[in-house]
Amino acid sequence: MNDATLLAQPSPPRYLMCRPQYFAVTYRINPWMDPKTWADSGAELHVTAVRQWAGLYSALLGNGAGIELIEPEPGLPDLVFTANAAVVLDRKVLLTRFRHAERQGEQPLLLAGFKALQARGLIDEIVEMPEGAVLEGAGDCIWDRKRGLFWLGNGFRSEPAARPVIEKQFGVPCVPLELADPNFYHLDTCFCALPSGDVIYYPAAFTSGALDCIHNHIAPVQRIALDRADASHFAANAVCLGGNIVMSSCSTMLRRRLEERGLKVVKAPLHAFLRSGGSACCLTLRLDHLSDAALMPALTSNAARTTAEASG
């Protein structure tokens, strides 16, 4: 049994998604976005986006995930990128605070959506970011289950000032990583923490200081460094479900390296969303991440039950 299997949670992973009914590229807030190109062939591109989103949705369901949906809204084309909605750990939600005005209209809808999930008992608490502290959700704040910490991307969207807020709200360390390439404007475009403890990353996306930090925390054998080709297809923007990794694009070499670590690659092409600077991870928000502190009572209870059954 490999590490990915050992670390899989007993309950199915649960994600928040939003159908791409109004997805389009109508403004430019990152280098990938070209409103003119989209306008020239937008109808065809939108059909492709709808089909590819449905493929991702089916791939996640087919590999054991549960999915909650937030309703799309006219005029908010990037609402589909739910990874940016919040940071979620131990059933607590820390809502995003967007940098760009083009996305700030999403915030009231996201708050309402999380309140609906809270009413259904899927989350316990919702916290808003303080004024002036920009944090663009799990797009820049990635939970590393193996190390029990958050990695915080900053430099283009989220700010280092979000770090103490994250640590206070969740009671776990938060390690800042400064981004250096505007093409990789969110951390999840160039960094993926796998359940096994391995990490996929694109070294050229980070400052030298951030690279030193990555190397200090992650052993060489656990680093899966991407080349420019895989990175530019957002291979790091993947979704991990136990022993499976769902991704839009994966070279033969990268697939081999992932399979050597016991992971099964599930392809779900999402090239239409790359036009807006997003892919599989951007289109999902994991709702059921748990820290060691939250897992401990359940593990203790299971151990006690096993002992009682053995002695009985």
C-alpha atoms as a PDB file:
ATOM      1  CA  MET A   1       0.000   0.000   0.000  1.00  0.00           C
ATOM      2  CA  ASN A   2       1.504   3.375  -1.010  1.00  0.00           C
ATOM      3  CA  ASP A   3       1.595   6.619   0.964  1.00  0.00           C
ATOM      4  CA  ALA A   4      -1.200   8.161  -1.096  1.00  0.00           C
ATOM      5  CA  THR A   5      -3.501   5.294  -0.104  1.00  0.00           C
ATOM      6  CA  LEU A   6      -2.474   5.431   3.539  1.00  0.00           C
ATOM      7  CA  LEU A   7      -3.197   9.147   3.740  1.00  0.00           C
ATOM      8  CA  ALA A   8      -6.565   8.997   1.976  1.00  0.00           C
ATOM      9  CA  GLN A   9      -9.381  10.073   4.264  1.00  0.00           C
ATOM     10  CA  PRO A  10     -12.131   7.499   4.944  1.00  0.00           C
ATOM     11  CA  SER A  11     -14.907   9.802   3.724  1.00  0.00           C
ATOM     12  CA  PRO A  12     -15.070  10.851   0.051  1.00  0.00           C
ATOM     13  CA  PRO A  13     -13.316  14.160  -0.708  1.00  0.00           C
ATOM     14  CA  ARG A  14     -15.777  17.010  -1.231  1.00  0.00           C
ATOM     15  CA  TYR A  15     -15.333  19.985  -3.561  1.00  0.00           C
ATOM     16  CA  LEU A  16     -17.096  23.243  -4.366  1.00  0.00           C
ATOM     17  CA  MET A  17     -17.563  24.004  -8.074  1.00  0.00           C
ATOM     18  CA  CYS A  18     -19.512  26.467 -10.235  1.00  0.00           C
ATOM     19  CA  ARG A  19     -20.901  25.712 -13.684  1.00  0.00           C
ATOM     20  CA  PRO A  20     -19.326  27.848 -16.459  1.00  0.00           C
ATOM     21  CA  GLN A  21     -22.619  29.238 -17.716  1.00  0.00           C
ATOM     22  CA  TYR A  22     -21.232  32.781 -17.859  1.00  0.00           C
ATOM     23  CA  PHE A  23     -17.543  31.980 -18.231  1.00  0.00           C
ATOM     24  CA  ALA A  24     -15.747  34.238 -20.711  1.00  0.00           C
ATOM     25  CA  VAL A  25     -12.630  36.349 -20.998  1.00  0.00           C
ATOM     26  CA  THR A  26     -14.012  39.885 -20.846  1.00  0.00           C
ATOM     27  CA  TYR A  27     -11.171  41.660 -19.027  1.00  0.00           C
ATOM     28  CA  ARG A  28      -7.445  41.211 -18.435  1.00  0.00           C
ATOM     29  CA  ILE A  29      -6.038  40.732 -14.948  1.00  0.00           C
ATOM     30  CA  ASN A  30      -3.307  38.222 -15.799  1.00  0.00           C
ATOM     31  CA  PRO A  31      -1.086  37.611 -18.856  1.00  0.00           C
ATOM     32  CA  TRP A  32      -3.169  34.665 -20.077  1.00  0.00           C
ATOM     33  CA  MET A  33      -6.320  36.713 -20.603  1.00  0.00           C
ATOM     34  CA  ASP A  34      -6.980  38.165 -24.077  1.00  0.00           C
ATOM     35  CA  PRO A  35     -10.519  39.584 -24.343  1.00  0.00           C
ATOM     36  CA  LYS A  36     -10.159  40.380 -28.057  1.00  0.00           C
ATOM     37  CA  THR A  37      -9.267  36.816 -29.024  1.00  0.00           C
ATOM     38  CA  TRP A  38     -12.143  35.506 -26.949  1.00  0.00           C
ATOM     39  CA  ALA A  39     -14.564  37.990 -28.512  1.00  0.00           C
ATOM     40  CA  ASP A  40     -13.502  36.922 -32.012  1.00  0.00           C
ATOM     41  CA  SER A  41     -14.502  33.294 -31.362  1.00  0.00           C
ATOM     42  CA  GLY A  42     -16.249  33.433 -28.008  1.00  0.00           C
ATOM     43  CA  ALA A  43     -19.266  31.267 -28.853  1.00  0.00           C
ATOM     44  CA  GLU A  44     -17.096  28.348 -29.942  1.00  0.00           C
ATOM     45  CA  LEU A  45     -14.733  28.783 -26.992  1.00  0.00           C
ATOM     46  CA  HIS A  46     -17.635  28.887 -24.553  1.00  0.00           C
ATOM     47  CA  VAL A  47     -19.046  25.623 -25.920  1.00  0.00           C
ATOM     48  CA  THR A  48     -15.614  24.059 -25.451  1.00  0.00           C
ATOM     49  CA  ALA A  49     -15.368  25.397 -21.903  1.00  0.00           C
ATOM     50  CA  VAL A  50     -18.769  23.957 -20.976  1.00  0.00           C
ATOM     51  CA  ARG A  51     -17.821  20.566 -22.399  1.00  0.00           C
ATOM     52  CA  GLN A  52     -14.423  20.514 -20.679  1.00  0.00           C
ATOM     53  CA  TRP A  53     -15.851  21.604 -17.325  1.00  0.00           C
ATOM     54  CA  ALA A  54     -18.363  18.760 -17.575  1.00  0.00           C
ATOM     55  CA  GLY A  55     -15.458  16.397 -18.243  1.00  0.00           C
ATOM     56  CA  LEU A  56     -13.691  17.525 -15.076  1.00  0.00           C
ATOM     57  CA  TYR A  57     -16.933  17.234 -13.095  1.00  0.00           C
ATOM     58  CA  SER A  58     -17.432  13.668 -14.350  1.00  0.00           C
ATOM     59  CA  ALA A  59     -13.798  12.742 -13.692  1.00  0.00           C
ATOM     60  CA  LEU A  60     -14.062  13.888 -10.084  1.00  0.00           C
ATOM     61  CA  LEU A  61     -17.370  12.091  -9.506  1.00  0.00           C
ATOM     62  CA  GLY A  62     -16.021   8.982 -11.211  1.00  0.00           C
ATOM     63  CA  ASN A  63     -13.062   8.903  -8.865  1.00  0.00           C
ATOM     64  CA  GLY A  64     -15.113   9.112  -5.690  1.00  0.00           C
ATOM     65  CA  ALA A  65     -15.477  12.842  -5.049  1.00  0.00           C
ATOM     66  CA  GLY A  66     -18.572  14.594  -3.743  1.00  0.00           C
ATOM     67  CA  ILE A  67     -19.359  17.952  -5.348  1.00  0.00           C
ATOM     68  CA  GLU A  68     -21.306  20.961  -4.092  1.00  0.00           C
ATOM     69  CA  LEU A  69     -22.324  23.671  -6.546  1.00  0.00           C
ATOM     70  CA  ILE A  70     -22.573  27.429  -6.254  1.00  0.00           C
ATOM     71  CA  GLU A  71     -24.867  29.127  -8.759  1.00  0.00           C
ATOM     72  CA  PRO A  72     -23.217  31.100 -11.592  1.00  0.00           C
ATOM     73  CA  GLU A  73     -24.049  34.789 -11.967  1.00  0.00           C
ATOM     74  CA  PRO A  74     -24.128  37.032 -15.054  1.00  0.00           C
ATOM     75  CA  GLY A  75     -21.263  39.502 -15.181  1.00  0.00           C
ATOM     76  CA  LEU A  76     -18.986  37.356 -13.007  1.00  0.00           C
ATOM     77  CA  PRO A  77     -17.149  35.173 -15.544  1.00  0.00           C
ATOM     78  CA  ASP A  78     -14.427  34.057 -13.111  1.00  0.00           C
ATOM     79  CA  LEU A  79     -16.829  32.789 -10.444  1.00  0.00           C
ATOM     80  CA  VAL A  80     -16.185  29.396 -12.036  1.00  0.00           C
ATOM     81  CA  PHE A  81     -12.718  29.413 -10.412  1.00  0.00           C
ATOM     82  CA  THR A  82     -13.929  28.367  -6.968  1.00  0.00           C
ATOM     83  CA  ALA A  83     -10.430  27.691  -5.639  1.00  0.00           C
ATOM     84  CA  ASN A  84     -10.227  31.446  -5.149  1.00  0.00           C
ATOM     85  CA  ALA A  85     -13.384  31.548  -3.020  1.00  0.00           C
ATOM     86  CA  ALA A  86     -11.842  30.784   0.358  1.00  0.00           C
ATOM     87  CA  VAL A  87      -9.391  28.801   2.435  1.00  0.00           C
ATOM     88  CA  VAL A  88     -11.081  25.874   4.183  1.00  0.00           C
ATOM     89  CA  LEU A  89      -9.670  23.720   6.983  1.00  0.00           C
ATOM     90  CA  ASP A  90     -11.317  21.821   9.841  1.00  0.00           C
ATOM     91  CA  ARG A  91     -14.785  22.922   8.646  1.00  0.00           C
ATOM     92  CA  LYS A  92     -13.824  26.602   9.002  1.00  0.00           C
ATOM     93  CA  VAL A  93     -13.997  28.957   6.014  1.00  0.00           C
ATOM     94  CA  LEU A  94     -11.748  32.008   5.667  1.00  0.00           C
ATOM     95  CA  LEU A  95     -13.342  34.019   2.874  1.00  0.00           C
ATOM     96  CA  THR A  96     -11.281  35.513   0.101  1.00  0.00           C
ATOM     97  CA  ARG A  97     -10.663  39.219  -0.396  1.00  0.00           C
ATOM     98  CA  PHE A  98      -9.846  39.848  -4.054  1.00  0.00           C
ATOM     99  CA  ARG A  99      -7.246  42.319  -5.255  1.00  0.00           C
ATOM    100  CA  HIS A 100      -8.898  43.320  -8.537  1.00  0.00           C
ATOM    101  CA  ALA A 101     -12.225  45.141  -8.764  1.00  0.00           C
ATOM    102  CA  GLU A 102     -13.281  42.815 -11.592  1.00  0.00           C
ATOM    103  CA  ARG A 103     -13.569  39.936  -9.121  1.00  0.00           C
ATOM    104  CA  GLN A 104     -14.693  41.728  -5.984  1.00  0.00           C
ATOM    105  CA  GLY A 105     -18.326  41.351  -7.007  1.00  0.00           C
ATOM    106  CA  GLU A 106     -17.967  37.626  -6.339  1.00  0.00           C
ATOM    107  CA  GLN A 107     -17.455  38.115  -2.604  1.00  0.00           C
ATOM    108  CA  PRO A 108     -21.120  38.620  -1.517  1.00  0.00           C
ATOM    109  CA  LEU A 109     -22.218  35.612  -3.582  1.00  0.00           C
ATOM    110  CA  LEU A 110     -19.493  33.455  -2.090  1.00  0.00           C
ATOM    111  CA  LEU A 111     -20.492  34.479   1.419  1.00  0.00           C
ATOM    112  CA  ALA A 112     -24.093  33.533   0.666  1.00  0.00           C
ATOM    113  CA  GLY A 113     -22.977  30.237  -0.819  1.00  0.00           C
ATOM    114  CA  PHE A 114     -20.954  29.298   2.245  1.00  0.00           C
ATOM    115  CA  LYS A 115     -23.813  30.284   4.526  1.00  0.00           C
ATOM    116  CA  ALA A 116     -25.998  27.830   2.599  1.00  0.00           C
ATOM    117  CA  LEU A 117     -23.389  25.099   3.119  1.00  0.00           C
ATOM    118  CA  GLN A 118     -23.249  26.011   6.816  1.00  0.00           C
ATOM    119  CA  ALA A 119     -27.025  25.694   7.087  1.00  0.00           C
ATOM    120  CA  ARG A 120     -26.725  22.180   5.676  1.00  0.00           C
ATOM    121  CA  GLY A 121     -24.091  21.250   8.264  1.00  0.00           C
ATOM    122  CA  LEU A 122     -21.202  20.940   5.801  1.00  0.00           C
ATOM    123  CA  ILE A 123     -19.123  23.664   7.451  1.00  0.00           C
ATOM    124  CA  ASP A 124     -19.129  25.124  10.950  1.00  0.00           C
ATOM    125  CA  GLU A 125     -17.710  28.641  10.793  1.00  0.00           C
ATOM    126  CA  ILE A 126     -17.225  31.464   8.294  1.00  0.00           C
ATOM    127  CA  VAL A 127     -14.640  34.199   8.870  1.00  0.00           C
ATOM    128  CA  GLU A 128     -14.029  37.251   6.683  1.00  0.00           C
ATOM    129  CA  MET A 129     -10.592  38.674   5.937  1.00  0.00           C
ATOM    130  CA  PRO A 130      -9.885  42.024   7.624  1.00  0.00           C
ATOM    131  CA  GLU A 131      -9.994  45.150   5.473  1.00  0.00           C
ATOM    132  CA  GLY A 132      -6.793  45.747   3.592  1.00  0.00           C
ATOM    133  CA  ALA A 133      -5.498  42.161   3.778  1.00  0.00           C
ATOM    134  CA  VAL A 134      -5.712  40.568   0.342  1.00  0.00           C
ATOM    135  CA  LEU A 135      -5.973  36.779   0.141  1.00  0.00           C
ATOM    136  CA  GLU A 136      -7.275  35.021  -2.948  1.00  0.00           C
ATOM    137  CA  GLY A 137      -8.352  31.795  -1.306  1.00  0.00           C
ATOM    138  CA  ALA A 138      -6.841  28.392  -1.946  1.00  0.00           C
ATOM    139  CA  GLY A 139      -5.425  29.680  -5.213  1.00  0.00           C
ATOM    140  CA  ASP A 140      -2.643  31.185  -3.122  1.00  0.00           C
ATOM    141  CA  CYS A 141      -3.017  29.267   0.150  1.00  0.00           C
ATOM    142  CA  ILE A 142      -2.343  25.549  -0.328  1.00  0.00           C
ATOM    143  CA  TRP A 143      -2.821  23.015   2.451  1.00  0.00           C
ATOM    144  CA  ASP A 144       0.031  20.514   2.838  1.00  0.00           C
ATOM    145  CA  ARG A 145      -1.503  17.602   4.740  1.00  0.00           C
ATOM    146  CA  LYS A 146       1.779  15.728   5.129  1.00  0.00           C
ATOM    147  CA  ARG A 147       3.577  18.665   6.782  1.00  0.00           C
ATOM    148  CA  GLY A 148       0.585  20.152   8.565  1.00  0.00           C
ATOM    149  CA  LEU A 149       1.043  23.648   7.167  1.00  0.00           C
ATOM    150  CA  PHE A 150      -0.156  26.119   4.566  1.00  0.00           C
ATOM    151  CA  TRP A 151       2.009  27.406   1.727  1.00  0.00           C
ATOM    152  CA  LEU A 152       1.140  31.042   0.938  1.00  0.00           C
ATOM    153  CA  GLY A 153       1.863  32.472  -2.490  1.00  0.00           C
ATOM    154  CA  ASN A 154       2.353  36.233  -2.662  1.00  0.00           C
ATOM    155  CA  GLY A 155       3.716  38.874  -4.968  1.00  0.00           C
ATOM    156  CA  PHE A 156       0.966  39.279  -7.562  1.00  0.00           C
ATOM    157  CA  ARG A 157      -2.399  38.732  -5.848  1.00  0.00           C
ATOM    158  CA  SER A 158      -2.311  37.734  -2.167  1.00  0.00           C
ATOM    159  CA  GLU A 159      -0.205  39.644   0.350  1.00  0.00           C
ATOM    160  CA  PRO A 160       2.209  38.571   3.103  1.00  0.00           C
ATOM    161  CA  ALA A 161      -0.103  40.392   5.558  1.00  0.00           C
ATOM    162  CA  ALA A 162      -2.508  37.464   5.147  1.00  0.00           C
ATOM    163  CA  ARG A 163      -0.062  35.118   6.888  1.00  0.00           C
ATOM    164  CA  PRO A 164      -0.805  36.045  10.538  1.00  0.00           C
ATOM    165  CA  VAL A 165      -4.535  35.983   9.789  1.00  0.00           C
ATOM    166  CA  ILE A 166      -4.277  32.449   8.419  1.00  0.00           C
ATOM    167  CA  GLU A 167      -2.162  31.235  11.332  1.00  0.00           C
ATOM    168  CA  LYS A 168      -4.503  32.794  13.895  1.00  0.00           C
ATOM    169  CA  GLN A 169      -7.667  31.401  12.333  1.00  0.00           C
ATOM    170  CA  PHE A 170      -6.443  27.861  11.731  1.00  0.00           C
ATOM    171  CA  GLY A 171      -3.737  27.392  14.373  1.00  0.00           C
ATOM    172  CA  VAL A 172      -1.199  25.936  11.921  1.00  0.00           C
ATOM    173  CA  PRO A 173       2.012  27.327  10.403  1.00  0.00           C
ATOM    174  CA  CYS A 174       1.872  29.267   7.146  1.00  0.00           C
ATOM    175  CA  VAL A 175       4.995  29.446   4.976  1.00  0.00           C
ATOM    176  CA  PRO A 176       5.178  32.393   2.523  1.00  0.00           C
ATOM    177  CA  LEU A 177       6.516  31.842  -0.996  1.00  0.00           C
ATOM    178  CA  GLU A 178       7.111  34.901  -3.172  1.00  0.00           C
ATOM    179  CA  LEU A 179       6.211  34.458  -6.834  1.00  0.00           C
ATOM    180  CA  ALA A 180       8.455  35.918  -9.529  1.00  0.00           C
ATOM    181  CA  ASP A 181       6.764  35.274 -12.899  1.00  0.00           C
ATOM    182  CA  PRO A 182       3.440  37.023 -13.660  1.00  0.00           C
ATOM    183  CA  ASN A 183       2.395  34.056 -15.817  1.00  0.00           C
ATOM    184  CA  PHE A 184       2.220  32.105 -12.556  1.00  0.00           C
ATOM    185  CA  TYR A 185       0.312  34.696 -10.597  1.00  0.00           C
ATOM    186  CA  HIS A 186      -1.306  32.300  -8.096  1.00  0.00           C
ATOM    187  CA  LEU A 187       0.566  29.621  -6.188  1.00  0.00           C
ATOM    188  CA  ASP A 188      -1.684  26.842  -7.481  1.00  0.00           C
ATOM    189  CA  THR A 189      -0.509  27.542 -11.041  1.00  0.00           C
ATOM    190  CA  CYS A 190       3.024  26.396 -10.185  1.00  0.00           C
ATOM    191  CA  PHE A 191       2.873  24.350  -6.960  1.00  0.00           C
ATOM    192  CA  CYS A 192       0.930  21.258  -5.873  1.00  0.00           C
ATOM    193  CA  ALA A 193       1.327  19.461  -2.534  1.00  0.00           C
ATOM    194  CA  LEU A 194       0.607  15.740  -2.993  1.00  0.00           C
ATOM    195  CA  PRO A 195      -0.839  13.526  -0.220  1.00  0.00           C
ATOM    196  CA  SER A 196       2.375  11.472  -0.205  1.00  0.00           C
ATOM    197  CA  GLY A 197       4.455  14.495   0.821  1.00  0.00           C
ATOM    198  CA  ASP A 198       5.866  14.960  -2.670  1.00  0.00           C
ATOM    199  CA  VAL A 199       5.483  18.384  -4.243  1.00  0.00           C
ATOM    200  CA  ILE A 200       5.085  19.346  -7.907  1.00  0.00           C
ATOM    201  CA  TYR A 201       6.530  22.798  -8.584  1.00  0.00           C
ATOM    202  CA  TYR A 202       7.990  24.999 -11.288  1.00  0.00           C
ATOM    203  CA  PRO A 203      11.250  26.471  -9.943  1.00  0.00           C
ATOM    204  CA  ALA A 204      11.361  29.464 -12.318  1.00  0.00           C
ATOM    205  CA  ALA A 205       8.044  30.734 -10.932  1.00  0.00           C
ATOM    206  CA  PHE A 206       9.656  31.567  -7.572  1.00  0.00           C
ATOM    207  CA  THR A 207      12.150  34.082  -6.228  1.00  0.00           C
ATOM    208  CA  SER A 208      15.476  32.712  -5.022  1.00  0.00           C
ATOM    209  CA  GLY A 209      14.355  33.194  -1.424  1.00  0.00           C
ATOM    210  CA  ALA A 210      11.164  31.232  -2.015  1.00  0.00           C
ATOM    211  CA  LEU A 211      13.132  28.433  -3.683  1.00  0.00           C
ATOM    212  CA  ASP A 212      15.446  28.267  -0.671  1.00  0.00           C
ATOM    213  CA  CYS A 213      12.370  27.947   1.539  1.00  0.00           C
ATOM    214  CA  ILE A 214      10.934  25.124  -0.597  1.00  0.00           C
ATOM    215  CA  HIS A 215      14.260  23.295  -0.538  1.00  0.00           C
ATOM    216  CA  ASN A 216      14.595  23.717   3.225  1.00  0.00           C
ATOM    217  CA  HIS A 217      11.176  22.173   3.856  1.00  0.00           C
ATOM    218  CA  ILE A 218      11.076  19.502   1.155  1.00  0.00           C
ATOM    219  CA  ALA A 219      13.680  16.787   0.672  1.00  0.00           C
ATOM    220  CA  PRO A 220      15.183  16.459  -2.840  1.00  0.00           C
ATOM    221  CA  VAL A 221      13.603  13.034  -3.333  1.00  0.00           C
ATOM    222  CA  GLN A 222      10.161  14.588  -2.778  1.00  0.00           C
ATOM    223  CA  ARG A 223      10.543  17.422  -5.295  1.00  0.00           C
ATOM    224  CA  ILE A 224       9.011  17.000  -8.733  1.00  0.00           C
ATOM    225  CA  ALA A 225      10.355  19.962 -10.701  1.00  0.00           C
ATOM    226  CA  LEU A 226       8.467  20.848 -13.875  1.00  0.00           C
ATOM    227  CA  ASP A 227      10.049  22.019 -17.089  1.00  0.00           C
ATOM    228  CA  ARG A 228       8.665  25.071 -18.883  1.00  0.00           C
ATOM    229  CA  ALA A 229       6.462  23.022 -21.209  1.00  0.00           C
ATOM    230  CA  ASP A 230       4.593  21.174 -18.436  1.00  0.00           C
ATOM    231  CA  ALA A 231       4.427  24.322 -16.315  1.00  0.00           C
ATOM    232  CA  SER A 232       2.948  26.361 -19.174  1.00  0.00           C
ATOM    233  CA  HIS A 233       0.186  23.783 -19.544  1.00  0.00           C
ATOM    234  CA  PHE A 234      -0.528  24.178 -15.806  1.00  0.00           C
ATOM    235  CA  ALA A 235       0.445  20.614 -14.919  1.00  0.00           C
ATOM    236  CA  ALA A 236       0.859  21.758 -11.317  1.00  0.00           C
ATOM    237  CA  ASN A 237      -2.763  22.947 -11.273  1.00  0.00           C
ATOM    238  CA  ALA A 238      -4.015  19.462 -10.456  1.00  0.00           C
ATOM    239  CA  VAL A 239      -6.554  17.871  -8.116  1.00  0.00           C
ATOM    240  CA  CYS A 240      -5.459  14.994  -5.860  1.00  0.00           C
ATOM    241  CA  LEU A 241      -7.980  12.380  -4.738  1.00  0.00           C
ATOM    242  CA  GLY A 242      -6.150   9.794  -2.683  1.00  0.00           C
ATOM    243  CA  GLY A 243      -4.167   7.762  -5.199  1.00  0.00           C
ATOM    244  CA  ASN A 244      -5.465   9.665  -8.248  1.00  0.00           C
ATOM    245  CA  ILE A 245      -4.328  12.974  -9.682  1.00  0.00           C
ATOM    246  CA  VAL A 246      -6.673  14.777 -12.091  1.00  0.00           C
ATOM    247  CA  MET A 247      -4.949  17.161 -14.479  1.00  0.00           C
ATOM    248  CA  SER A 248      -5.506  18.824 -17.845  1.00  0.00           C
ATOM    249  CA  SER A 249      -2.103  18.092 -19.328  1.00  0.00           C
ATOM    250  CA  CYS A 250       0.757  15.747 -18.480  1.00  0.00           C
ATOM    251  CA  SER A 251       3.894  14.892 -20.448  1.00  0.00           C
ATOM    252  CA  THR A 252       5.105  11.309 -20.716  1.00  0.00           C
ATOM    253  CA  MET A 253       8.045  12.032 -18.411  1.00  0.00           C
ATOM    254  CA  LEU A 254       5.874  13.678 -15.756  1.00  0.00           C
ATOM    255  CA  ARG A 255       3.363  10.833 -15.907  1.00  0.00           C
ATOM    256  CA  ARG A 256       6.185   8.342 -15.305  1.00  0.00           C
ATOM    257  CA  ARG A 257       7.442  10.288 -12.301  1.00  0.00           C
ATOM    258  CA  LEU A 258       3.947  10.457 -10.800  1.00  0.00           C
ATOM    259  CA  GLU A 259       3.278   6.772 -11.426  1.00  0.00           C
ATOM    260  CA  GLU A 260       6.577   5.920  -9.716  1.00  0.00           C
ATOM    261  CA  ARG A 261       5.067   7.524  -6.616  1.00  0.00           C
ATOM    262  CA  GLY A 262       1.957   5.351  -6.808  1.00  0.00           C
ATOM    263  CA  LEU A 263      -0.320   7.959  -8.395  1.00  0.00           C
ATOM    264  CA  LYS A 264      -2.722   7.282 -11.247  1.00  0.00           C
ATOM    265  CA  VAL A 265      -2.968  10.183 -13.701  1.00  0.00           C
ATOM    266  CA  VAL A 266      -6.526  11.020 -14.796  1.00  0.00           C
ATOM    267  CA  LYS A 267      -6.601  13.347 -17.810  1.00  0.00           C
ATOM    268  CA  ALA A 268      -9.356  15.965 -18.044  1.00  0.00           C
ATOM    269  CA  PRO A 269      -8.502  18.471 -20.815  1.00  0.00           C
ATOM    270  CA  LEU A 270      -9.245  22.065 -19.775  1.00  0.00           C
ATOM    271  CA  HIS A 271      -7.490  24.147 -22.416  1.00  0.00           C
ATOM    272  CA  ALA A 272     -10.392  26.606 -22.711  1.00  0.00           C
ATOM    273  CA  PHE A 273      -9.830  27.683 -19.117  1.00  0.00           C
ATOM    274  CA  LEU A 274      -6.122  28.188 -19.663  1.00  0.00           C
ATOM    275  CA  ARG A 275      -7.190  31.220 -21.724  1.00  0.00           C
ATOM    276  CA  SER A 276      -8.184  32.769 -18.400  1.00  0.00           C
ATOM    277  CA  GLY A 277      -5.180  31.417 -16.504  1.00  0.00           C
ATOM    278  CA  GLY A 278      -6.877  28.452 -14.855  1.00  0.00           C
ATOM    279  CA  SER A 279      -7.144  24.669 -14.892  1.00  0.00           C
ATOM    280  CA  ALA A 280      -8.329  21.743 -12.737  1.00  0.00           C
ATOM    281  CA  CYS A 281      -7.298  23.002  -9.299  1.00  0.00           C
ATOM    282  CA  CYS A 282      -8.581  26.521 -10.046  1.00  0.00           C
ATOM    283  CA  LEU A 283     -12.017  25.082 -10.843  1.00  0.00           C
ATOM    284  CA  THR A 284     -12.378  23.315  -7.480  1.00  0.00           C
ATOM    285  CA  LEU A 285     -12.228  24.124  -3.783  1.00  0.00           C
ATOM    286  CA  ARG A 286     -11.633  21.287  -1.332  1.00  0.00           C
ATOM    287  CA  LEU A 287     -14.133  21.580   1.543  1.00  0.00           C
ATOM    288  CA  ASP A 288     -13.013  18.758   3.836  1.00  0.00           C
ATOM    289  CA  HIS A 289      -9.316  19.278   4.526  1.00  0.00           C
ATOM    290  CA  LEU A 290      -8.491  18.336   8.131  1.00  0.00           C
ATOM    291  CA  SER A 291      -5.518  19.122  10.344  1.00  0.00           C
ATOM    292  CA  ASP A 292      -3.939  16.658  12.771  1.00  0.00           C
ATOM    293  CA  ALA A 293      -5.742  18.381  15.633  1.00  0.00           C
ATOM    294  CA  ALA A 294      -9.107  17.698  13.997  1.00  0.00           C
ATOM    295  CA  LEU A 295      -8.209  14.145  12.983  1.00  0.00           C
ATOM    296  CA  MET A 296      -6.858  13.122  16.386  1.00  0.00           C
ATOM    297  CA  PRO A 297     -10.212  12.579  18.175  1.00  0.00           C
ATOM    298  CA  ALA A 298     -11.424  10.348  15.359  1.00  0.00           C
ATOM    299  CA  LEU A 299      -8.151   8.397  15.276  1.00  0.00           C
ATOM    300  CA  THR A 300      -8.228   7.965  19.058  1.00  0.00           C
ATOM    301  CA  SER A 301     -11.839   6.799  18.917  1.00  0.00           C
ATOM    302  CA  ASN A 302     -11.074   4.312  16.141  1.00  0.00           C
ATOM    303  CA  ALA A 303      -8.066   2.964  18.049  1.00  0.00           C
ATOM    304  CA  ALA A 304     -10.130   2.535  21.196  1.00  0.00           C
ATOM    305  CA  ARG A 305     -12.881   0.749  19.280  1.00  0.00           C
ATOM    306  CA  THR A 306     -10.355  -1.578  17.629  1.00  0.00           C
ATOM    307  CA  THR A 307      -8.811  -2.405  21.002  1.00  0.00           C
ATOM    308  CA  ALA A 308     -12.224  -3.085  22.539  1.00  0.00           C
ATOM    309  CA  GLU A 309     -13.231  -5.351  19.664  1.00  0.00           C
ATOM    310  CA  ALA A 310      -9.958  -7.268  19.889  1.00  0.00           C
ATOM    311  CA  SER A 311     -10.281  -7.814  23.632  1.00  0.00           C
ATOM    312  CA  GLY A 312     -13.976  -8.637  23.413  1.00  0.00           C
END
